[in-house]
Full PDB file with SEQRES, HELIX, SHEET, SSBOND, CRYST1, ORIGX, SCALE, CONECT and MASTER records, all heavy atoms in Angstrom:
SEQRES   1 A   40  CYS GLU LEU ALA ASP GLY GLN GLY LEU ASN GLY GLY GLU          
SEQRES   2 A   40  LEU PHE GLU TYR LEU GLY THR PRO ASN VAL ALA ARG ASP          
SEQRES   3 A   40  MET VAL GLU MET VAL ASP LYS VAL ASP GLU LEU ARG GLU          
SEQRES   4 A   40  LYS                                                          
HELIX    1 AA1 GLU A    2  GLY A    6  1                                   5    
HELIX    2 AA2 PHE A   15  TYR A   17  5                                   3    
HELIX    3 AA3 THR A   20  GLU A   39  1                                  20    
CRYST1    1.000    1.000    1.000  90.00  90.00  90.00 P 1           1          
ORIGX1      1.000000  0.000000  0.000000        0.00000                         
ORIGX2      0.000000  1.000000  0.000000        0.00000                         
ORIGX3      0.000000  0.000000  1.000000        0.00000                         
SCALE1      1.000000  0.000000  0.000000        0.00000                         
SCALE2      0.000000  1.000000  0.000000        0.00000                         
SCALE3      0.000000  0.000000  1.000000        0.00000                         
ATOM      1  N   CYS A   1       0.887 -18.163   7.720  1.00  0.00           N  
ATOM      2  CA  CYS A   1       0.680 -16.924   6.970  1.00  0.00           C  
ATOM      3  C   CYS A   1      -0.401 -17.103   5.914  1.00  0.00           C  
ATOM      4  O   CYS A   1      -1.239 -16.212   5.692  1.00  0.00           O  
ATOM      5  CB  CYS A   1       1.985 -16.478   6.316  1.00  0.00           C  
ATOM      6  SG  CYS A   1       3.319 -16.106   7.491  1.00  0.00           S  
ATOM      7  N   GLU A   2      -0.392 -18.248   5.248  1.00  0.00           N  
ATOM      8  CA  GLU A   2      -1.393 -18.530   4.218  1.00  0.00           C  
ATOM      9  C   GLU A   2      -2.787 -18.570   4.822  1.00  0.00           C  
ATOM     10  O   GLU A   2      -3.751 -18.037   4.249  1.00  0.00           O  
ATOM     11  CB  GLU A   2      -1.065 -19.858   3.544  1.00  0.00           C  
ATOM     12  CG  GLU A   2      -1.961 -20.211   2.375  1.00  0.00           C  
ATOM     13  CD  GLU A   2      -1.540 -21.511   1.710  1.00  0.00           C  
ATOM     14  OE1 GLU A   2      -1.220 -22.482   2.452  1.00  0.00           O  
ATOM     15  OE2 GLU A   2      -1.501 -21.561   0.476  1.00  0.00           O  
ATOM     16  N   LEU A   3      -2.904 -19.171   5.989  1.00  0.00           N  
ATOM     17  CA  LEU A   3      -4.196 -19.264   6.663  1.00  0.00           C  
ATOM     18  C   LEU A   3      -4.699 -17.881   7.064  1.00  0.00           C  
ATOM     19  O   LEU A   3      -5.865 -17.533   6.821  1.00  0.00           O  
ATOM     20  CB  LEU A   3      -4.076 -20.148   7.905  1.00  0.00           C  
ATOM     21  CG  LEU A   3      -5.348 -20.320   8.736  1.00  0.00           C  
ATOM     22  CD1 LEU A   3      -6.409 -21.057   7.931  1.00  0.00           C  
ATOM     23  CD2 LEU A   3      -5.037 -21.082  10.034  1.00  0.00           C  
ATOM     24  N   ALA A   4      -3.817 -17.085   7.672  1.00  0.00           N  
ATOM     25  CA  ALA A   4      -4.213 -15.745   8.118  1.00  0.00           C  
ATOM     26  C   ALA A   4      -4.630 -14.886   6.938  1.00  0.00           C  
ATOM     27  O   ALA A   4      -5.625 -14.147   7.006  1.00  0.00           O  
ATOM     28  CB  ALA A   4      -3.072 -15.084   8.884  1.00  0.00           C  
ATOM     29  N   ASP A   5      -3.905 -14.978   5.838  1.00  0.00           N  
ATOM     30  CA  ASP A   5      -4.202 -14.156   4.669  1.00  0.00           C  
ATOM     31  C   ASP A   5      -5.469 -14.640   3.965  1.00  0.00           C  
ATOM     32  O   ASP A   5      -6.314 -13.839   3.573  1.00  0.00           O  
ATOM     33  CB  ASP A   5      -3.022 -14.193   3.704  1.00  0.00           C  
ATOM     34  CG  ASP A   5      -2.955 -12.969   2.799  1.00  0.00           C  
ATOM     35  OD1 ASP A   5      -2.781 -11.861   3.330  1.00  0.00           O  
ATOM     36  OD2 ASP A   5      -3.070 -13.137   1.578  1.00  0.00           O  
ATOM     37  N   GLY A   6      -5.592 -15.948   3.820  1.00  0.00           N  
ATOM     38  CA  GLY A   6      -6.733 -16.504   3.093  1.00  0.00           C  
ATOM     39  C   GLY A   6      -8.046 -16.293   3.801  1.00  0.00           C  
ATOM     40  O   GLY A   6      -9.090 -16.127   3.152  1.00  0.00           O  
ATOM     41  N   GLN A   7      -8.019 -16.266   5.121  1.00  0.00           N  
ATOM     42  CA  GLN A   7      -9.248 -16.074   5.887  1.00  0.00           C  
ATOM     43  C   GLN A   7      -9.537 -14.607   6.178  1.00  0.00           C  
ATOM     44  O   GLN A   7     -10.486 -14.290   6.893  1.00  0.00           O  
ATOM     45  CB  GLN A   7      -9.166 -16.856   7.206  1.00  0.00           C  
ATOM     46  CG  GLN A   7      -9.146 -18.360   7.014  1.00  0.00           C  
ATOM     47  CD  GLN A   7      -9.160 -19.122   8.333  1.00  0.00           C  
ATOM     48  OE1 GLN A   7      -8.996 -18.543   9.410  1.00  0.00           O  
ATOM     49  NE2 GLN A   7      -9.365 -20.428   8.256  1.00  0.00           N  
ATOM     50  N   GLY A   8      -8.675 -13.730   5.647  1.00  0.00           N  
ATOM     51  CA  GLY A   8      -8.910 -12.310   5.850  1.00  0.00           C  
ATOM     52  C   GLY A   8      -8.640 -11.835   7.255  1.00  0.00           C  
ATOM     53  O   GLY A   8      -9.149 -10.787   7.676  1.00  0.00           O  
ATOM     54  N   LEU A   9      -7.821 -12.585   8.005  1.00  0.00           N  
ATOM     55  CA  LEU A   9      -7.567 -12.215   9.398  1.00  0.00           C  
ATOM     56  C   LEU A   9      -6.722 -10.960   9.508  1.00  0.00           C  
ATOM     57  O   LEU A   9      -6.647 -10.345  10.572  1.00  0.00           O  
ATOM     58  CB  LEU A   9      -6.880 -13.380  10.129  1.00  0.00           C  
ATOM     59  CG  LEU A   9      -7.669 -14.697  10.167  1.00  0.00           C  
ATOM     60  CD1 LEU A   9      -6.881 -15.764  10.913  1.00  0.00           C  
ATOM     61  CD2 LEU A   9      -9.022 -14.481  10.841  1.00  0.00           C  
ATOM     62  N   ASN A  10      -6.055 -10.572   8.409  1.00  0.00           N  
ATOM     63  CA  ASN A  10      -5.298  -9.327   8.390  1.00  0.00           C  
ATOM     64  C   ASN A  10      -6.100  -8.185   7.775  1.00  0.00           C  
ATOM     65  O   ASN A  10      -5.547  -7.140   7.435  1.00  0.00           O  
ATOM     66  CB  ASN A  10      -3.994  -9.501   7.589  1.00  0.00           C  
ATOM     67  CG  ASN A  10      -2.982 -10.348   8.321  1.00  0.00           C  
ATOM     68  OD1 ASN A  10      -2.866 -10.260   9.533  1.00  0.00           O  
ATOM     69  ND2 ASN A  10      -2.252 -11.162   7.585  1.00  0.00           N  
ATOM     70  N   GLY A  11      -7.387  -8.402   7.622  1.00  0.00           N  
ATOM     71  CA  GLY A  11      -8.215  -7.371   6.996  1.00  0.00           C  
ATOM     72  C   GLY A  11      -8.375  -7.597   5.504  1.00  0.00           C  
ATOM     73  O   GLY A  11      -8.848  -6.721   4.788  1.00  0.00           O  
ATOM     74  N   GLY A  12      -7.993  -8.757   5.033  1.00  0.00           N  
ATOM     75  CA  GLY A  12      -8.096  -9.071   3.607  1.00  0.00           C  
ATOM     76  C   GLY A  12      -6.795  -9.611   3.079  1.00  0.00           C  
ATOM     77  O   GLY A  12      -5.800  -9.687   3.787  1.00  0.00           O  
ATOM     78  N   GLU A  13      -6.786 -10.055   1.818  1.00  0.00           N  
ATOM     79  CA  GLU A  13      -5.563 -10.553   1.211  1.00  0.00           C  
ATOM     80  C   GLU A  13      -4.537  -9.430   1.151  1.00  0.00           C  
ATOM     81  O   GLU A  13      -4.835  -8.333   0.704  1.00  0.00           O  
ATOM     82  CB  GLU A  13      -5.861 -11.093  -0.185  1.00  0.00           C  
ATOM     83  CG  GLU A  13      -6.765 -12.322  -0.176  1.00  0.00           C  
ATOM     84  CD  GLU A  13      -7.061 -12.823  -1.571  1.00  0.00           C  
ATOM     85  OE1 GLU A  13      -6.705 -12.108  -2.532  1.00  0.00           O  
ATOM     86  OE2 GLU A  13      -7.646 -13.905  -1.710  1.00  0.00           O  
ATOM     87  N   LEU A  14      -3.314  -9.722   1.592  1.00  0.00           N  
ATOM     88  CA  LEU A  14      -2.351  -8.649   1.756  1.00  0.00           C  
ATOM     89  C   LEU A  14      -0.945  -9.016   1.311  1.00  0.00           C  
ATOM     90  O   LEU A  14      -0.259  -8.213   0.668  1.00  0.00           O  
ATOM     91  CB  LEU A  14      -2.319  -8.227   3.239  1.00  0.00           C  
ATOM     92  CG  LEU A  14      -1.369  -7.107   3.631  1.00  0.00           C  
ATOM     93  CD1 LEU A  14      -1.774  -5.799   2.960  1.00  0.00           C  
ATOM     94  CD2 LEU A  14      -1.342  -6.939   5.153  1.00  0.00           C  
ATOM     95  N   PHE A  15      -0.481 -10.225   1.638  1.00  0.00           N  
ATOM     96  CA  PHE A  15       0.941 -10.551   1.543  1.00  0.00           C  
ATOM     97  C   PHE A  15       1.522 -10.393   0.133  1.00  0.00           C  
ATOM     98  O   PHE A  15       2.682 -10.019  -0.008  1.00  0.00           O  
ATOM     99  CB  PHE A  15       1.198 -11.973   2.052  1.00  0.00           C  
ATOM    100  CG  PHE A  15       1.200 -12.068   3.549  1.00  0.00           C  
ATOM    101  CD1 PHE A  15       0.243 -12.813   4.216  1.00  0.00           C  
ATOM    102  CD2 PHE A  15       2.159 -11.413   4.297  1.00  0.00           C  
ATOM    103  CE1 PHE A  15       0.237 -12.906   5.598  1.00  0.00           C  
ATOM    104  CE2 PHE A  15       2.172 -11.503   5.677  1.00  0.00           C  
ATOM    105  CZ  PHE A  15       1.206 -12.246   6.335  1.00  0.00           C  
ATOM    106  N   GLU A  16       0.741 -10.660  -0.899  1.00  0.00           N  
ATOM    107  CA  GLU A  16       1.301 -10.570  -2.254  1.00  0.00           C  
ATOM    108  C   GLU A  16       1.412  -9.131  -2.747  1.00  0.00           C  
ATOM    109  O   GLU A  16       1.990  -8.865  -3.808  1.00  0.00           O  
ATOM    110  CB  GLU A  16       0.463 -11.392  -3.235  1.00  0.00           C  
ATOM    111  CG  GLU A  16      -0.935 -10.874  -3.463  1.00  0.00           C  
ATOM    112  CD  GLU A  16      -1.725 -11.760  -4.415  1.00  0.00           C  
ATOM    113  OE1 GLU A  16      -1.512 -11.635  -5.637  1.00  0.00           O  
ATOM    114  OE2 GLU A  16      -2.541 -12.568  -3.923  1.00  0.00           O  
ATOM    115  N   TYR A  17       0.926  -8.167  -1.951  1.00  0.00           N  
ATOM    116  CA  TYR A  17       0.931  -6.764  -2.379  1.00  0.00           C  
ATOM    117  C   TYR A  17       1.893  -5.895  -1.563  1.00  0.00           C  
ATOM    118  O   TYR A  17       1.792  -4.673  -1.581  1.00  0.00           O  
ATOM    119  CB  TYR A  17      -0.479  -6.184  -2.263  1.00  0.00           C  
ATOM    120  CG  TYR A  17      -1.492  -6.921  -3.097  1.00  0.00           C  
ATOM    121  CD1 TYR A  17      -2.347  -7.858  -2.514  1.00  0.00           C  
ATOM    122  CD2 TYR A  17      -1.580  -6.701  -4.463  1.00  0.00           C  
ATOM    123  CE1 TYR A  17      -3.272  -8.545  -3.276  1.00  0.00           C  
ATOM    124  CE2 TYR A  17      -2.505  -7.387  -5.238  1.00  0.00           C  
ATOM    125  CZ  TYR A  17      -3.347  -8.312  -4.636  1.00  0.00           C  
ATOM    126  OH  TYR A  17      -4.259  -9.003  -5.401  1.00  0.00           O  
ATOM    127  N   LEU A  18       2.828  -6.526  -0.860  1.00  0.00           N  
ATOM    128  CA  LEU A  18       3.726  -5.771   0.018  1.00  0.00           C  
ATOM    129  C   LEU A  18       5.095  -5.520  -0.589  1.00  0.00           C  
ATOM    130  O   LEU A  18       5.933  -4.881   0.046  1.00  0.00           O  
ATOM    131  CB  LEU A  18       3.889  -6.513   1.354  1.00  0.00           C  
ATOM    132  CG  LEU A  18       2.621  -6.753   2.165  1.00  0.00           C  
ATOM    133  CD1 LEU A  18       2.965  -7.393   3.510  1.00  0.00           C  
ATOM    134  CD2 LEU A  18       1.841  -5.467   2.386  1.00  0.00           C  
ATOM    135  N   GLY A  19       5.352  -5.992  -1.796  1.00  0.00           N  
ATOM    136  CA  GLY A  19       6.677  -5.916  -2.390  1.00  0.00           C  
ATOM    137  C   GLY A  19       7.150  -4.493  -2.657  1.00  0.00           C  
ATOM    138  O   GLY A  19       6.373  -3.532  -2.700  1.00  0.00           O  
ATOM    139  N   THR A  20       8.449  -4.376  -2.878  1.00  0.00           N  
ATOM    140  CA  THR A  20       9.092  -3.079  -3.039  1.00  0.00           C  
ATOM    141  C   THR A  20       8.535  -2.257  -4.199  1.00  0.00           C  
ATOM    142  O   THR A  20       8.396  -1.031  -4.067  1.00  0.00           O  
ATOM    143  CB  THR A  20      10.607  -3.270  -3.176  1.00  0.00           C  
ATOM    144  OG1 THR A  20      11.089  -3.956  -2.010  1.00  0.00           O  
ATOM    145  CG2 THR A  20      11.335  -1.946  -3.291  1.00  0.00           C  
ATOM    146  N   PRO A  21       8.206  -2.836  -5.370  1.00  0.00           N  
ATOM    147  CA  PRO A  21       7.625  -1.996  -6.434  1.00  0.00           C  
ATOM    148  C   PRO A  21       6.352  -1.280  -5.995  1.00  0.00           C  
ATOM    149  O   PRO A  21       6.131  -0.115  -6.354  1.00  0.00           O  
ATOM    150  CB  PRO A  21       7.351  -3.000  -7.563  1.00  0.00           C  
ATOM    151  CG  PRO A  21       8.348  -4.084  -7.341  1.00  0.00           C  
ATOM    152  CD  PRO A  21       8.443  -4.219  -5.848  1.00  0.00           C  
ATOM    153  N   ASN A  22       5.514  -1.953  -5.216  1.00  0.00           N  
ATOM    154  CA  ASN A  22       4.302  -1.312  -4.726  1.00  0.00           C  
ATOM    155  C   ASN A  22       4.625  -0.154  -3.790  1.00  0.00           C  
ATOM    156  O   ASN A  22       3.982   0.898  -3.831  1.00  0.00           O  
ATOM    157  CB  ASN A  22       3.419  -2.333  -3.998  1.00  0.00           C  
ATOM    158  CG  ASN A  22       2.636  -3.212  -4.950  1.00  0.00           C  
ATOM    159  OD1 ASN A  22       1.851  -2.733  -5.757  1.00  0.00           O  
ATOM    160  ND2 ASN A  22       2.860  -4.513  -4.864  1.00  0.00           N  
ATOM    161  N   VAL A  23       5.634  -0.335  -2.922  1.00  0.00           N  
ATOM    162  CA  VAL A  23       6.003   0.734  -1.988  1.00  0.00           C  
ATOM    163  C   VAL A  23       6.601   1.914  -2.753  1.00  0.00           C  
ATOM    164  O   VAL A  23       6.349   3.080  -2.426  1.00  0.00           O  
ATOM    165  CB  VAL A  23       6.981   0.205  -0.924  1.00  0.00           C  
ATOM    166  CG1 VAL A  23       7.354   1.319   0.056  1.00  0.00           C  
ATOM    167  CG2 VAL A  23       6.366  -0.972  -0.163  1.00  0.00           C  
ATOM    168  N   ALA A  24       7.398   1.622  -3.781  1.00  0.00           N  
ATOM    169  CA  ALA A  24       7.946   2.698  -4.611  1.00  0.00           C  
ATOM    170  C   ALA A  24       6.822   3.489  -5.271  1.00  0.00           C  
ATOM    171  O   ALA A  24       6.857   4.731  -5.321  1.00  0.00           O  
ATOM    172  CB  ALA A  24       8.885   2.116  -5.670  1.00  0.00           C  
ATOM    173  N   ARG A  25       5.810   2.788  -5.753  1.00  0.00           N  
ATOM    174  CA  ARG A  25       4.657   3.482  -6.366  1.00  0.00           C  
ATOM    175  C   ARG A  25       3.882   4.265  -5.313  1.00  0.00           C  
ATOM    176  O   ARG A  25       3.368   5.366  -5.611  1.00  0.00           O  
ATOM    177  CB  ARG A  25       3.751   2.454  -7.056  1.00  0.00           C  
ATOM    178  CG  ARG A  25       2.531   3.065  -7.732  1.00  0.00           C  
ATOM    179  CD  ARG A  25       2.929   4.028  -8.843  1.00  0.00           C  
ATOM    180  NE  ARG A  25       1.769   4.660  -9.467  1.00  0.00           N  
ATOM    181  CZ  ARG A  25       1.154   5.742  -9.003  1.00  0.00           C  
ATOM    182  NH1 ARG A  25       1.594   6.313  -7.891  1.00  0.00           N  
ATOM    183  NH2 ARG A  25       0.105   6.251  -9.634  1.00  0.00           N  
ATOM    184  N   ASP A  26       3.795   3.736  -4.107  1.00  0.00           N  
ATOM    185  CA  ASP A  26       3.173   4.494  -3.014  1.00  0.00           C  
ATOM    186  C   ASP A  26       3.895   5.829  -2.806  1.00  0.00           C  
ATOM    187  O   ASP A  26       3.263   6.862  -2.554  1.00  0.00           O  
ATOM    188  CB  ASP A  26       3.220   3.701  -1.703  1.00  0.00           C  
ATOM    189  CG  ASP A  26       2.271   2.515  -1.675  1.00  0.00           C  
ATOM    190  OD1 ASP A  26       1.368   2.448  -2.529  1.00  0.00           O  
ATOM    191  OD2 ASP A  26       2.445   1.651  -0.789  1.00  0.00           O  
ATOM    192  N   MET A  27       5.230   5.807  -2.908  1.00  0.00           N  
ATOM    193  CA  MET A  27       5.990   7.041  -2.696  1.00  0.00           C  
ATOM    194  C   MET A  27       5.694   8.067  -3.789  1.00  0.00           C  
ATOM    195  O   MET A  27       5.651   9.269  -3.512  1.00  0.00           O  
ATOM    196  CB  MET A  27       7.490   6.749  -2.607  1.00  0.00           C  
ATOM    197  CG  MET A  27       7.908   6.082  -1.308  1.00  0.00           C  
ATOM    198  SD  MET A  27       9.629   6.413  -0.860  1.00  0.00           S  
ATOM    199  CE  MET A  27      10.491   5.633  -2.213  1.00  0.00           C  
ATOM    200  N   VAL A  28       5.518   7.618  -5.025  1.00  0.00           N  
ATOM    201  CA  VAL A  28       5.133   8.544  -6.090  1.00  0.00           C  
ATOM    202  C   VAL A  28       3.839   9.261  -5.709  1.00  0.00           C  
ATOM    203  O   VAL A  28       3.716  10.488  -5.825  1.00  0.00           O  
ATOM    204  CB  VAL A  28       4.946   7.805  -7.431  1.00  0.00           C  
ATOM    205  CG1 VAL A  28       4.367   8.743  -8.481  1.00  0.00           C  
ATOM    206  CG2 VAL A  28       6.266   7.229  -7.915  1.00  0.00           C  
ATOM    207  N   GLU A  29       2.881   8.480  -5.238  1.00  0.00           N  
ATOM    208  CA  GLU A  29       1.594   9.058  -4.866  1.00  0.00           C  
ATOM    209  C   GLU A  29       1.731  10.017  -3.684  1.00  0.00           C  
ATOM    210  O   GLU A  29       1.096  11.082  -3.651  1.00  0.00           O  
ATOM    211  CB  GLU A  29       0.597   7.937  -4.530  1.00  0.00           C  
ATOM    212  CG  GLU A  29      -0.850   8.357  -4.576  1.00  0.00           C  
ATOM    213  CD  GLU A  29      -1.357   8.602  -5.995  1.00  0.00           C  
ATOM    214  OE1 GLU A  29      -0.634   8.308  -6.964  1.00  0.00           O  
ATOM    215  OE2 GLU A  29      -2.499   9.079  -6.133  1.00  0.00           O  
ATOM    216  N   MET A  30       2.564   9.650  -2.717  1.00  0.00           N  
ATOM    217  CA  MET A  30       2.761  10.524  -1.560  1.00  0.00           C  
ATOM    218  C   MET A  30       3.394  11.846  -1.966  1.00  0.00           C  
ATOM    219  O   MET A  30       3.024  12.916  -1.458  1.00  0.00           O  
ATOM    220  CB  MET A  30       3.603   9.811  -0.501  1.00  0.00           C  
ATOM    221  CG  MET A  30       2.832   8.774   0.303  1.00  0.00           C  
ATOM    222  SD  MET A  30       3.800   8.065   1.655  1.00  0.00           S  
ATOM    223  CE  MET A  30       4.503   6.640   0.842  1.00  0.00           C  
ATOM    224  N   VAL A  31       4.357  11.795  -2.881  1.00  0.00           N  
ATOM    225  CA  VAL A  31       4.972  13.022  -3.388  1.00  0.00           C  
ATOM    226  C   VAL A  31       3.912  13.911  -4.036  1.00  0.00           C  
ATOM    227  O   VAL A  31       3.868  15.136  -3.823  1.00  0.00           O  
ATOM    228  CB  VAL A  31       6.100  12.701  -4.386  1.00  0.00           C  
ATOM    229  CG1 VAL A  31       6.566  13.958  -5.113  1.00  0.00           C  
ATOM    230  CG2 VAL A  31       7.277  12.047  -3.666  1.00  0.00           C  
ATOM    231  N   ASP A  32       3.031  13.302  -4.834  1.00  0.00           N  
ATOM    232  CA  ASP A  32       1.975  14.069  -5.489  1.00  0.00           C  
ATOM    233  C   ASP A  32       1.002  14.665  -4.470  1.00  0.00           C  
ATOM    234  O   ASP A  32       0.548  15.809  -4.619  1.00  0.00           O  
ATOM    235  CB  ASP A  32       1.210  13.183  -6.472  1.00  0.00           C  
ATOM    236  CG  ASP A  32       2.012  12.878  -7.724  1.00  0.00           C  
ATOM    237  OD1 ASP A  32       3.023  13.569  -7.970  1.00  0.00           O  
ATOM    238  OD2 ASP A  32       1.631  11.955  -8.465  1.00  0.00           O  
ATOM    239  N   LYS A  33       0.672  13.884  -3.444  1.00  0.00           N  
ATOM    240  CA  LYS A  33      -0.272  14.360  -2.438  1.00  0.00           C  
ATOM    241  C   LYS A  33       0.314  15.504  -1.614  1.00  0.00           C  
ATOM    242  O   LYS A  33      -0.409  16.433  -1.222  1.00  0.00           O  
ATOM    243  CB  LYS A  33      -0.702  13.215  -1.521  1.00  0.00           C  
ATOM    244  CG  LYS A  33      -1.485  12.120  -2.226  1.00  0.00           C  
ATOM    245  CD  LYS A  33      -2.752  12.659  -2.890  1.00  0.00           C  
ATOM    246  CE  LYS A  33      -3.526  11.564  -3.606  1.00  0.00           C  
ATOM    247  NZ  LYS A  33      -4.748  12.090  -4.273  1.00  0.00           N  
ATOM    248  N   VAL A  34       1.610  15.441  -1.335  1.00  0.00           N  
ATOM    249  CA  VAL A  34       2.264  16.549  -0.648  1.00  0.00           C  
ATOM    250  C   VAL A  34       2.190  17.812  -1.495  1.00  0.00           C  
ATOM    251  O   VAL A  34       1.907  18.910  -1.004  1.00  0.00           O  
ATOM    252  CB  VAL A  34       3.735  16.194  -0.316  1.00  0.00           C  
ATOM    253  CG1 VAL A  34       4.504  17.436   0.126  1.00  0.00           C  
ATOM    254  CG2 VAL A  34       3.792  15.128   0.773  1.00  0.00           C  
ATOM    255  N   ASP A  35       2.418  17.653  -2.795  1.00  0.00           N  
ATOM    256  CA  ASP A  35       2.365  18.795  -3.714  1.00  0.00           C  
ATOM    257  C   ASP A  35       0.955  19.351  -3.804  1.00  0.00           C  
ATOM    258  O   ASP A  35       0.752  20.575  -3.795  1.00  0.00           O  
ATOM    259  CB  ASP A  35       2.863  18.348  -5.087  1.00  0.00           C  
ATOM    260  CG  ASP A  35       3.020  19.508  -6.057  1.00  0.00           C  
ATOM    261  OD1 ASP A  35       3.922  20.336  -5.829  1.00  0.00           O  
ATOM    262  OD2 ASP A  35       2.256  19.579  -7.026  1.00  0.00           O  
ATOM    263  N   GLU A  36      -0.046  18.479  -3.882  1.00  0.00           N  
ATOM    264  CA  GLU A  36      -1.434  18.917  -3.949  1.00  0.00           C  
ATOM    265  C   GLU A  36      -1.829  19.688  -2.696  1.00  0.00           C  
ATOM    266  O   GLU A  36      -2.513  20.721  -2.769  1.00  0.00           O  
ATOM    267  CB  GLU A  36      -2.361  17.710  -4.132  1.00  0.00           C  
ATOM    268  CG  GLU A  36      -2.287  17.069  -5.505  1.00  0.00           C  
ATOM    269  CD  GLU A  36      -3.133  15.812  -5.589  1.00  0.00           C  
ATOM    270  OE1 GLU A  36      -3.949  15.584  -4.658  1.00  0.00           O  
ATOM    271  OE2 GLU A  36      -2.976  15.055  -6.559  1.00  0.00           O  
ATOM    272  N   LEU A  37      -1.408  19.184  -1.535  1.00  0.00           N  
ATOM    273  CA  LEU A  37      -1.740  19.852  -0.283  1.00  0.00           C  
ATOM    274  C   LEU A  37      -1.104  21.238  -0.221  1.00  0.00           C  
ATOM    275  O   LEU A  37      -1.740  22.206   0.215  1.00  0.00           O  
ATOM    276  CB  LEU A  37      -1.277  19.004   0.898  1.00  0.00           C  
ATOM    277  CG  LEU A  37      -1.507  19.608   2.291  1.00  0.00           C  
ATOM    278  CD1 LEU A  37      -2.993  19.844   2.539  1.00  0.00           C  
ATOM    279  CD2 LEU A  37      -0.925  18.698   3.377  1.00  0.00           C  
ATOM    280  N   ARG A  38       0.126  21.336  -0.688  1.00  0.00           N  
ATOM    281  CA  ARG A  38       0.798  22.638  -0.656  1.00  0.00           C  
ATOM    282  C   ARG A  38       0.085  23.639  -1.567  1.00  0.00           C  
ATOM    283  O   ARG A  38      -0.088  24.807  -1.219  1.00  0.00           O  
ATOM    284  CB  ARG A  38       2.258  22.463  -1.056  1.00  0.00           C  
ATOM    285  CG  ARG A  38       3.094  23.727  -0.882  1.00  0.00           C  
ATOM    286  CD  ARG A  38       4.552  23.408  -0.649  1.00  0.00           C  
ATOM    287  NE  ARG A  38       4.732  22.739   0.637  1.00  0.00           N  
ATOM    288  CZ  ARG A  38       5.282  21.532   0.795  1.00  0.00           C  
ATOM    289  NH1 ARG A  38       5.725  20.871  -0.247  1.00  0.00           N  
ATOM    290  NH2 ARG A  38       5.411  21.002   1.980  1.00  0.00           N  
ATOM    291  N   GLU A  39      -0.353  23.187  -2.723  1.00  0.00           N  
ATOM    292  CA  GLU A  39      -1.090  24.079  -3.628  1.00  0.00           C  
ATOM    293  C   GLU A  39      -2.441  24.471  -3.034  1.00  0.00           C  
ATOM    294  O   GLU A  39      -2.879  25.631  -3.155  1.00  0.00           O  
ATOM    295  CB  GLU A  39      -1.287  23.395  -4.985  1.00  0.00           C  
ATOM    296  CG  GLU A  39      -0.011  23.245  -5.802  1.00  0.00           C  
ATOM    297  CD  GLU A  39      -0.286  22.675  -7.180  1.00  0.00           C  
ATOM    298  OE1 GLU A  39      -1.467  22.353  -7.462  1.00  0.00           O  
ATOM    299  OE2 GLU A  39       0.664  22.554  -7.969  1.00  0.00           O  
ATOM    300  N   LYS A  40      -3.093  23.519  -2.394  1.00  0.00           N  
ATOM    301  CA  LYS A  40      -4.385  23.798  -1.779  1.00  0.00           C  
ATOM    302  C   LYS A  40      -4.249  24.825  -0.666  1.00  0.00           C  
ATOM    303  O   LYS A  40      -5.049  25.761  -0.556  1.00  0.00           O  
ATOM    304  CB  LYS A  40      -4.981  22.496  -1.234  1.00  0.00           C  
ATOM    305  CG  LYS A  40      -6.330  22.665  -0.551  1.00  0.00           C  
ATOM    306  CD  LYS A  40      -6.836  21.325  -0.042  1.00  0.00           C  
ATOM    307  CE  LYS A  40      -8.169  21.480   0.682  1.00  0.00           C  
ATOM    308  NZ  LYS A  40      -8.651  20.163   1.214  1.00  0.00           N  
TER     309      LYS A  40                                                      
MASTER        0    0    0    3    0    0    0    6  308    1    0    4          
END                                                                             
């Protein structure tokens, strides 16, 4: 996993950014984007 991540084989460094707090923050943004689309 370290080799794949370090060499960018997954499209760049990724593994340290997959934790639950990041996904929870993603959901905040998705809620906002749904609201923006509805207003648009």
